[in-house]
Amino acid sequence: MTCATTVDPVEYLRGAWDVDRSVLDLRTGERGVFRGTARGEAVAAGVLHFVESGELTLSGHTGPGRRALELHRTVSGHADVQFADGRHFHGLELGPEPFVVEHRCGGDLYRGDYRLCGPARWSVVWEVDGPAKRYRLATSYVRLPGPLPDGVPHGVRGDGRALLVERR
């Protein structure tokens, strides 16, 4: 399903998400996976704390994985994504067209391609290239069944099927 309008990322990403990520080392061909959940919780007006946690399997090792980001709503209704320590990561728009972002970290370039895949599904593919690394992370997020947080315009109900929900 293609979304016809742009959504507010701070509202859309609220709630619980299933996370499925594939990892591909483009230098060695080695593959890995991360499987877990993410939770987006409003911590202030226009601010969302988004935390992923789960299990990462890579290079013959399996262990816990975690990442935390904060999204701050911008005047335009999009989001400024920040690392947990407050450093800027990138801007974010979620809508009918893919949204491409870039972030430099030292000699490394991170290029992300965000896609809103439907009312309860989104994805991002990161390609990372630097002096000591070259890999691709492809992540799919699917909203977990359950009640929708107040203000969330899209989601799924208890049977797990995606529905477009109108709030009145």
N, C-alpha and C. Protein backbone atom coordinates (compact mmCIF):
# COMPACT_ATOMS: atom_id res chain seq x y z
N MET A 1 0.84 -1.18 0.00
CA MET A 1 0.00 0.00 0.00
C MET A 1 0.89 1.24 0.00
N THR A 2 0.56 2.20 -0.80
CA THR A 2 1.27 3.46 -0.83
C THR A 2 0.43 4.50 -0.12
N CYS A 3 1.06 5.28 0.73
CA CYS A 3 0.34 6.31 1.45
C CYS A 3 0.21 7.54 0.56
N ALA A 4 -0.95 8.16 0.59
CA ALA A 4 -1.21 9.30 -0.27
C ALA A 4 -0.76 10.61 0.36
N THR A 5 -0.52 10.60 1.68
CA THR A 5 -0.14 11.83 2.35
C THR A 5 1.09 11.61 3.22
N THR A 6 1.68 12.71 3.61
CA THR A 6 2.81 12.67 4.52
C THR A 6 2.27 12.57 5.94
N VAL A 7 2.93 11.78 6.78
CA VAL A 7 2.50 11.65 8.18
C VAL A 7 3.52 12.34 9.08
N ASP A 8 3.08 12.69 10.26
CA ASP A 8 3.94 13.28 11.28
C ASP A 8 4.73 12.13 11.91
N PRO A 9 6.05 12.06 11.71
CA PRO A 9 6.82 10.93 12.26
C PRO A 9 6.72 10.80 13.77
N VAL A 10 6.63 11.91 14.49
CA VAL A 10 6.55 11.84 15.95
C VAL A 10 5.28 11.14 16.39
N GLU A 11 4.18 11.34 15.68
CA GLU A 11 2.93 10.65 16.02
C GLU A 11 2.90 9.24 15.44
N TYR A 12 3.28 9.09 14.19
CA TYR A 12 3.20 7.80 13.51
C TYR A 12 4.04 6.73 14.19
N LEU A 13 5.22 7.08 14.70
CA LEU A 13 6.13 6.09 15.27
C LEU A 13 5.83 5.77 16.73
N ARG A 14 4.82 6.39 17.32
CA ARG A 14 4.44 6.04 18.68
C ARG A 14 3.89 4.63 18.72
N GLY A 15 4.14 3.94 19.82
CA GLY A 15 3.62 2.59 20.00
C GLY A 15 4.71 1.53 19.84
N ALA A 16 4.27 0.29 19.70
CA ALA A 16 5.19 -0.86 19.66
C ALA A 16 5.32 -1.40 18.23
N TRP A 17 6.55 -1.76 17.87
CA TRP A 17 6.89 -2.22 16.53
C TRP A 17 7.71 -3.49 16.58
N ASP A 18 7.47 -4.40 15.65
CA ASP A 18 8.32 -5.56 15.43
C ASP A 18 9.47 -5.08 14.53
N VAL A 19 10.70 -5.44 14.85
CA VAL A 19 11.86 -5.00 14.08
C VAL A 19 12.58 -6.22 13.52
N ASP A 20 12.80 -6.22 12.21
CA ASP A 20 13.53 -7.30 11.53
C ASP A 20 14.58 -6.65 10.64
N ARG A 21 15.87 -6.85 10.99
CA ARG A 21 16.96 -6.18 10.27
C ARG A 21 17.94 -7.22 9.74
N SER A 22 18.30 -7.05 8.48
CA SER A 22 19.38 -7.88 7.91
C SER A 22 20.63 -7.02 7.81
N VAL A 23 21.76 -7.65 8.04
CA VAL A 23 23.05 -6.99 7.99
C VAL A 23 23.88 -7.68 6.93
N LEU A 24 24.48 -6.92 6.02
CA LEU A 24 25.35 -7.49 5.00
C LEU A 24 26.65 -6.69 4.96
N ASP A 25 27.76 -7.38 5.27
CA ASP A 25 29.07 -6.77 5.14
C ASP A 25 29.43 -6.82 3.66
N LEU A 26 29.51 -5.66 3.02
CA LEU A 26 29.74 -5.61 1.58
C LEU A 26 31.21 -5.88 1.22
N ARG A 27 32.08 -5.93 2.20
CA ARG A 27 33.49 -6.26 1.94
C ARG A 27 33.72 -7.77 1.97
N THR A 28 33.07 -8.45 2.96
CA THR A 28 33.34 -9.88 3.16
C THR A 28 32.19 -10.77 2.71
N GLY A 29 30.99 -10.21 2.54
CA GLY A 29 29.82 -11.01 2.21
C GLY A 29 29.16 -11.63 3.43
N GLU A 30 29.71 -11.40 4.61
CA GLU A 30 29.14 -11.97 5.83
C GLU A 30 27.77 -11.35 6.10
N ARG A 31 26.86 -12.19 6.60
CA ARG A 31 25.49 -11.76 6.88
C ARG A 31 25.17 -11.90 8.36
N GLY A 32 24.27 -11.06 8.82
CA GLY A 32 23.78 -11.12 10.18
C GLY A 32 22.33 -10.68 10.24
N VAL A 33 21.74 -10.82 11.42
CA VAL A 33 20.35 -10.41 11.62
C VAL A 33 20.19 -9.78 13.00
N PHE A 34 19.23 -8.87 13.08
CA PHE A 34 18.78 -8.33 14.36
C PHE A 34 17.27 -8.52 14.37
N ARG A 35 16.77 -9.10 15.43
CA ARG A 35 15.32 -9.26 15.58
C ARG A 35 14.95 -8.77 16.97
N GLY A 36 13.89 -7.97 17.02
CA GLY A 36 13.48 -7.45 18.31
C GLY A 36 12.25 -6.58 18.18
N THR A 37 12.14 -5.65 19.09
CA THR A 37 11.00 -4.74 19.10
C THR A 37 11.51 -3.31 19.29
N ALA A 38 10.66 -2.39 18.93
CA ALA A 38 10.93 -0.97 19.16
C ALA A 38 9.70 -0.38 19.83
N ARG A 39 9.94 0.61 20.66
CA ARG A 39 8.84 1.31 21.29
C ARG A 39 9.08 2.80 21.17
N GLY A 40 8.05 3.48 20.66
CA GLY A 40 8.08 4.94 20.57
C GLY A 40 7.18 5.52 21.64
N GLU A 41 7.77 6.29 22.54
CA GLU A 41 7.00 6.89 23.64
C GLU A 41 7.20 8.40 23.65
N ALA A 42 6.08 9.12 23.75
CA ALA A 42 6.15 10.57 23.87
C ALA A 42 6.73 10.91 25.24
N VAL A 43 7.75 11.77 25.25
CA VAL A 43 8.37 12.17 26.52
C VAL A 43 8.13 13.65 26.81
N ALA A 44 7.68 14.38 25.82
CA ALA A 44 7.33 15.80 25.96
C ALA A 44 6.53 16.16 24.72
N ALA A 45 5.92 17.32 24.71
CA ALA A 45 5.17 17.76 23.54
C ALA A 45 6.11 17.81 22.34
N GLY A 46 5.79 17.04 21.30
CA GLY A 46 6.57 17.05 20.08
C GLY A 46 7.88 16.28 20.15
N VAL A 47 8.08 15.48 21.20
CA VAL A 47 9.32 14.71 21.36
C VAL A 47 8.99 13.24 21.59
N LEU A 48 9.62 12.38 20.81
CA LEU A 48 9.40 10.94 20.90
C LEU A 48 10.73 10.24 21.20
N HIS A 49 10.72 9.39 22.21
CA HIS A 49 11.87 8.55 22.54
C HIS A 49 11.62 7.21 21.84
N PHE A 50 12.53 6.79 20.95
CA PHE A 50 12.34 5.57 20.14
C PHE A 50 13.48 4.61 20.47
N VAL A 51 13.15 3.48 21.11
CA VAL A 51 14.16 2.53 21.58
C VAL A 51 13.93 1.17 20.93
N GLU A 52 14.99 0.65 20.33
CA GLU A 52 14.98 -0.71 19.79
C GLU A 52 15.76 -1.61 20.74
N SER A 53 15.25 -2.82 20.96
CA SER A 53 16.00 -3.81 21.73
C SER A 53 15.68 -5.19 21.17
N GLY A 54 16.68 -6.05 21.21
CA GLY A 54 16.49 -7.39 20.67
C GLY A 54 17.79 -8.16 20.68
N GLU A 55 17.91 -9.07 19.71
CA GLU A 55 19.06 -9.96 19.63
C GLU A 55 19.75 -9.81 18.28
N LEU A 56 21.06 -9.61 18.32
CA LEU A 56 21.87 -9.47 17.12
C LEU A 56 22.73 -10.71 16.96
N THR A 57 22.70 -11.28 15.75
CA THR A 57 23.58 -12.40 15.41
C THR A 57 24.47 -11.94 14.28
N LEU A 58 25.80 -11.97 14.52
CA LEU A 58 26.77 -11.49 13.54
C LEU A 58 28.14 -12.07 13.88
N SER A 59 28.86 -12.51 12.88
CA SER A 59 30.22 -13.05 13.05
C SER A 59 30.26 -14.21 14.04
N GLY A 60 29.25 -15.07 14.01
CA GLY A 60 29.23 -16.23 14.89
C GLY A 60 28.87 -15.92 16.33
N HIS A 61 28.52 -14.69 16.61
CA HIS A 61 28.16 -14.28 17.97
C HIS A 61 26.70 -13.85 18.00
N THR A 62 26.00 -14.24 19.06
CA THR A 62 24.64 -13.78 19.28
C THR A 62 24.59 -13.10 20.64
N GLY A 63 24.02 -11.91 20.67
CA GLY A 63 23.94 -11.18 21.93
C GLY A 63 22.91 -10.07 21.84
N PRO A 64 22.72 -9.37 22.95
CA PRO A 64 21.72 -8.32 22.97
C PRO A 64 22.14 -7.12 22.12
N GLY A 65 21.14 -6.48 21.54
CA GLY A 65 21.36 -5.26 20.77
C GLY A 65 20.36 -4.21 21.22
N ARG A 66 20.78 -2.96 21.24
CA ARG A 66 19.89 -1.88 21.68
C ARG A 66 20.33 -0.58 21.00
N ARG A 67 19.35 0.25 20.72
CA ARG A 67 19.63 1.57 20.15
C ARG A 67 18.52 2.50 20.59
N ALA A 68 18.89 3.74 20.92
CA ALA A 68 17.90 4.73 21.34
C ALA A 68 18.11 6.01 20.53
N LEU A 69 17.01 6.55 20.04
CA LEU A 69 17.00 7.81 19.31
C LEU A 69 15.89 8.69 19.86
N GLU A 70 15.99 9.99 19.61
CA GLU A 70 14.89 10.90 19.93
C GLU A 70 14.49 11.63 18.67
N LEU A 71 13.19 11.76 18.47
CA LEU A 71 12.65 12.52 17.36
C LEU A 71 12.00 13.78 17.91
N HIS A 72 12.35 14.91 17.33
CA HIS A 72 11.79 16.20 17.72
C HIS A 72 11.01 16.76 16.54
N ARG A 73 9.72 17.04 16.76
CA ARG A 73 8.89 17.59 15.67
C ARG A 73 9.43 18.96 15.27
N THR A 74 9.51 19.17 13.95
CA THR A 74 9.96 20.46 13.43
C THR A 74 8.74 21.34 13.13
N VAL A 75 8.99 22.60 12.86
CA VAL A 75 7.92 23.53 12.52
C VAL A 75 7.13 23.04 11.31
N SER A 76 7.81 22.35 10.37
CA SER A 76 7.16 21.86 9.15
C SER A 76 6.36 20.58 9.38
N GLY A 77 6.39 20.02 10.61
CA GLY A 77 5.64 18.80 10.89
C GLY A 77 6.42 17.54 10.59
N HIS A 78 7.68 17.67 10.27
CA HIS A 78 8.54 16.51 10.05
C HIS A 78 9.29 16.26 11.36
N ALA A 79 10.48 15.66 11.31
CA ALA A 79 11.21 15.39 12.55
C ALA A 79 12.70 15.61 12.38
N ASP A 80 13.31 16.00 13.47
CA ASP A 80 14.76 16.05 13.59
C ASP A 80 15.13 14.86 14.46
N VAL A 81 15.90 13.91 13.90
CA VAL A 81 16.29 12.71 14.62
C VAL A 81 17.63 12.97 15.30
N GLN A 82 17.67 12.67 16.61
CA GLN A 82 18.89 12.89 17.39
C GLN A 82 19.31 11.60 18.07
N PHE A 83 20.63 11.47 18.28
CA PHE A 83 21.13 10.38 19.09
C PHE A 83 20.68 10.60 20.52
N ALA A 84 20.76 9.56 21.35
CA ALA A 84 20.31 9.66 22.74
C ALA A 84 21.06 10.75 23.51
N ASP A 85 22.29 11.08 23.10
CA ASP A 85 23.06 12.11 23.79
C ASP A 85 22.77 13.52 23.27
N GLY A 86 21.81 13.65 22.34
CA GLY A 86 21.38 14.95 21.84
C GLY A 86 22.05 15.42 20.56
N ARG A 87 23.04 14.66 20.06
CA ARG A 87 23.69 15.04 18.80
C ARG A 87 22.72 14.84 17.63
N HIS A 88 22.77 15.74 16.66
CA HIS A 88 21.94 15.63 15.45
C HIS A 88 22.34 14.41 14.64
N PHE A 89 21.35 13.67 14.16
CA PHE A 89 21.58 12.53 13.27
C PHE A 89 21.14 12.91 11.86
N HIS A 90 19.84 13.19 11.68
CA HIS A 90 19.32 13.58 10.38
C HIS A 90 17.89 14.06 10.49
N GLY A 91 17.39 14.71 9.46
CA GLY A 91 15.98 15.07 9.36
C GLY A 91 15.19 13.85 8.90
N LEU A 92 13.86 13.90 9.05
CA LEU A 92 13.03 12.77 8.63
C LEU A 92 11.65 13.25 8.18
N GLU A 93 11.27 12.79 7.01
CA GLU A 93 9.92 12.95 6.49
C GLU A 93 9.41 11.56 6.12
N LEU A 94 8.17 11.26 6.46
CA LEU A 94 7.56 10.00 6.05
C LEU A 94 6.33 10.33 5.21
N GLY A 95 6.35 9.88 3.97
CA GLY A 95 5.25 10.18 3.07
C GLY A 95 5.22 9.25 1.89
N PRO A 96 4.54 9.65 0.83
CA PRO A 96 4.34 8.77 -0.32
C PRO A 96 5.62 8.50 -1.11
N GLU A 97 6.61 9.35 -0.98
CA GLU A 97 7.87 9.18 -1.72
C GLU A 97 8.98 8.74 -0.77
N PRO A 98 9.95 7.98 -1.28
CA PRO A 98 11.11 7.64 -0.44
C PRO A 98 11.79 8.91 0.06
N PHE A 99 12.35 8.85 1.25
CA PHE A 99 13.06 9.99 1.82
C PHE A 99 14.50 9.57 2.09
N VAL A 100 15.46 10.23 1.45
CA VAL A 100 16.87 9.86 1.54
C VAL A 100 17.59 10.86 2.44
N VAL A 101 18.39 10.31 3.37
CA VAL A 101 19.16 11.14 4.28
C VAL A 101 20.63 10.73 4.22
N GLU A 102 21.50 11.64 4.63
CA GLU A 102 22.92 11.33 4.75
C GLU A 102 23.43 11.87 6.07
N HIS A 103 24.39 11.12 6.64
CA HIS A 103 25.02 11.52 7.90
C HIS A 103 26.50 11.15 7.83
N ARG A 104 27.34 12.11 8.13
CA ARG A 104 28.79 11.84 8.18
C ARG A 104 29.22 11.65 9.62
N CYS A 105 30.08 10.66 9.82
CA CYS A 105 30.66 10.39 11.14
C CYS A 105 32.13 10.09 10.89
N GLY A 106 32.99 11.06 11.15
CA GLY A 106 34.40 10.90 10.82
C GLY A 106 34.53 10.69 9.33
N GLY A 107 35.24 9.64 8.92
CA GLY A 107 35.41 9.32 7.51
C GLY A 107 34.31 8.46 6.94
N ASP A 108 33.29 8.14 7.74
CA ASP A 108 32.21 7.26 7.29
C ASP A 108 31.01 8.06 6.80
N LEU A 109 30.39 7.57 5.73
CA LEU A 109 29.16 8.17 5.21
C LEU A 109 28.03 7.17 5.39
N TYR A 110 26.97 7.61 6.08
CA TYR A 110 25.77 6.81 6.28
C TYR A 110 24.69 7.39 5.39
N ARG A 111 24.13 6.56 4.51
CA ARG A 111 23.07 7.01 3.61
C ARG A 111 21.84 6.16 3.87
N GLY A 112 20.74 6.80 4.29
CA GLY A 112 19.51 6.09 4.63
C GLY A 112 18.41 6.37 3.64
N ASP A 113 17.62 5.35 3.35
CA ASP A 113 16.48 5.45 2.43
C ASP A 113 15.24 4.99 3.20
N TYR A 114 14.42 5.95 3.65
CA TYR A 114 13.21 5.67 4.42
C TYR A 114 12.03 5.52 3.48
N ARG A 115 11.17 4.55 3.80
CA ARG A 115 9.95 4.35 3.00
C ARG A 115 8.78 4.04 3.92
N LEU A 116 7.70 4.75 3.69
CA LEU A 116 6.44 4.48 4.38
C LEU A 116 5.70 3.46 3.52
N CYS A 117 5.57 2.24 4.03
CA CYS A 117 5.07 1.12 3.22
C CYS A 117 3.59 0.86 3.40
N GLY A 118 2.94 1.54 4.27
CA GLY A 118 1.52 1.34 4.51
C GLY A 118 1.14 1.91 5.86
N PRO A 119 -0.08 1.66 6.26
CA PRO A 119 -0.57 2.27 7.49
C PRO A 119 0.11 1.75 8.76
N ALA A 120 0.77 0.60 8.69
CA ALA A 120 1.40 0.04 9.89
C ALA A 120 2.75 -0.60 9.56
N ARG A 121 3.41 -0.08 8.54
CA ARG A 121 4.68 -0.67 8.13
C ARG A 121 5.55 0.42 7.49
N TRP A 122 6.83 0.41 7.89
CA TRP A 122 7.80 1.32 7.28
C TRP A 122 9.14 0.61 7.25
N SER A 123 10.05 1.14 6.46
CA SER A 123 11.36 0.50 6.34
C SER A 123 12.43 1.56 6.14
N VAL A 124 13.67 1.14 6.42
CA VAL A 124 14.82 1.99 6.14
C VAL A 124 15.98 1.08 5.76
N VAL A 125 16.70 1.49 4.72
CA VAL A 125 17.91 0.79 4.31
C VAL A 125 19.06 1.77 4.46
N TRP A 126 20.05 1.38 5.25
CA TRP A 126 21.26 2.18 5.45
C TRP A 126 22.40 1.55 4.69
N GLU A 127 23.11 2.34 3.93
CA GLU A 127 24.35 1.92 3.28
C GLU A 127 25.45 2.74 3.93
N VAL A 128 26.45 2.06 4.46
CA VAL A 128 27.52 2.71 5.20
C VAL A 128 28.83 2.43 4.48
N ASP A 129 29.58 3.49 4.24
CA ASP A 129 30.86 3.34 3.53
C ASP A 129 31.90 4.20 4.23
N GLY A 130 33.03 3.58 4.54
CA GLY A 130 34.10 4.31 5.19
C GLY A 130 35.42 3.58 5.03
N PRO A 131 36.47 4.15 5.58
CA PRO A 131 37.79 3.56 5.43
C PRO A 131 37.90 2.13 5.96
N ALA A 132 37.16 1.81 7.02
CA ALA A 132 37.27 0.48 7.62
C ALA A 132 35.98 -0.32 7.58
N LYS A 133 34.97 0.19 6.87
CA LYS A 133 33.69 -0.52 6.84
C LYS A 133 32.93 -0.24 5.56
N ARG A 134 32.11 -1.19 5.21
CA ARG A 134 31.20 -1.05 4.07
C ARG A 134 30.11 -2.08 4.26
N TYR A 135 28.92 -1.64 4.67
CA TYR A 135 27.85 -2.59 4.94
C TYR A 135 26.49 -1.99 4.64
N ARG A 136 25.49 -2.89 4.61
CA ARG A 136 24.09 -2.50 4.37
C ARG A 136 23.24 -3.07 5.49
N LEU A 137 22.39 -2.21 6.05
CA LEU A 137 21.40 -2.61 7.05
C LEU A 137 20.03 -2.38 6.44
N ALA A 138 19.23 -3.42 6.30
CA ALA A 138 17.87 -3.29 5.77
C ALA A 138 16.90 -3.67 6.87
N THR A 139 16.06 -2.72 7.28
CA THR A 139 15.18 -2.92 8.42
C THR A 139 13.73 -2.71 8.04
N SER A 140 12.89 -3.64 8.49
CA SER A 140 11.45 -3.55 8.31
C SER A 140 10.81 -3.42 9.69
N TYR A 141 9.87 -2.47 9.80
CA TYR A 141 9.14 -2.25 11.04
C TYR A 141 7.66 -2.52 10.77
N VAL A 142 7.03 -3.32 11.62
CA VAL A 142 5.60 -3.61 11.52
C VAL A 142 4.98 -3.34 12.88
N ARG A 143 3.92 -2.52 12.88
CA ARG A 143 3.26 -2.19 14.15
C ARG A 143 2.70 -3.46 14.78
N LEU A 144 2.96 -3.63 16.07
CA LEU A 144 2.45 -4.78 16.79
C LEU A 144 0.96 -4.59 17.09
N PRO A 145 0.20 -5.68 17.11
CA PRO A 145 -1.23 -5.60 17.40
C PRO A 145 -1.48 -5.01 18.78
N GLY A 146 -2.62 -4.36 18.90
CA GLY A 146 -3.00 -3.80 20.18
C GLY A 146 -3.65 -2.45 19.99
N PRO A 147 -4.08 -1.84 21.07
CA PRO A 147 -4.72 -0.53 20.96
C PRO A 147 -3.72 0.51 20.48
N LEU A 148 -4.22 1.44 19.72
CA LEU A 148 -3.37 2.51 19.21
C LEU A 148 -3.20 3.59 20.27
N PRO A 149 -2.00 4.15 20.38
CA PRO A 149 -1.85 5.30 21.28
C PRO A 149 -2.71 6.45 20.78
N ASP A 150 -3.21 7.27 21.67
CA ASP A 150 -4.01 8.43 21.27
C ASP A 150 -3.23 9.28 20.28
N GLY A 151 -3.91 9.71 19.23
CA GLY A 151 -3.30 10.59 18.24
C GLY A 151 -2.61 9.89 17.10
N VAL A 152 -2.45 8.57 17.17
CA VAL A 152 -1.80 7.84 16.07
C VAL A 152 -2.83 7.60 14.98
N PRO A 153 -2.59 8.11 13.76
CA PRO A 153 -3.60 8.03 12.71
C PRO A 153 -3.66 6.70 11.97
N HIS A 154 -2.65 5.85 12.12
CA HIS A 154 -2.60 4.59 11.39
C HIS A 154 -2.25 3.47 12.35
N GLY A 155 -2.60 2.24 12.01
CA GLY A 155 -2.17 1.14 12.86
C GLY A 155 -2.84 -0.16 12.52
N VAL A 156 -2.74 -1.10 13.43
CA VAL A 156 -3.39 -2.39 13.28
C VAL A 156 -4.22 -2.64 14.52
N ARG A 157 -5.16 -3.49 14.37
CA ARG A 157 -5.97 -3.91 15.51
C ARG A 157 -5.52 -5.30 15.94
N GLY A 158 -6.22 -5.90 16.85
CA GLY A 158 -5.80 -7.15 17.49
C GLY A 158 -5.49 -8.31 16.57
N ASP A 159 -6.07 -8.38 15.38
CA ASP A 159 -5.79 -9.51 14.50
C ASP A 159 -4.50 -9.31 13.69
N GLY A 160 -3.83 -8.18 13.86
CA GLY A 160 -2.56 -7.93 13.21
C GLY A 160 -2.66 -7.42 11.79
N ARG A 161 -3.87 -7.34 11.23
CA ARG A 161 -4.01 -6.82 9.87
C ARG A 161 -4.03 -5.31 9.87
N ALA A 162 -3.39 -4.74 8.86
CA ALA A 162 -3.28 -3.29 8.78
C ALA A 162 -4.63 -2.67 8.45
N LEU A 163 -4.93 -1.58 9.13
CA LEU A 163 -6.14 -0.82 8.88
C LEU A 163 -5.78 0.66 8.86
N LEU A 164 -6.49 1.41 8.05
CA LEU A 164 -6.38 2.86 8.10
C LEU A 164 -7.46 3.31 9.08
N VAL A 165 -7.06 3.95 10.14
CA VAL A 165 -7.99 4.31 11.21
C VAL A 165 -8.19 5.80 11.23
N GLU A 166 -9.44 6.22 11.21
CA GLU A 166 -9.75 7.64 11.31
C GLU A 166 -10.09 7.96 12.75
N ARG A 167 -9.48 8.98 13.29
CA ARG A 167 -9.79 9.45 14.65
C ARG A 167 -10.78 10.61 14.53
N ARG A 168 -11.77 10.63 15.36
CA ARG A 168 -12.75 11.72 15.36
C ARG A 168 -12.77 12.42 16.69
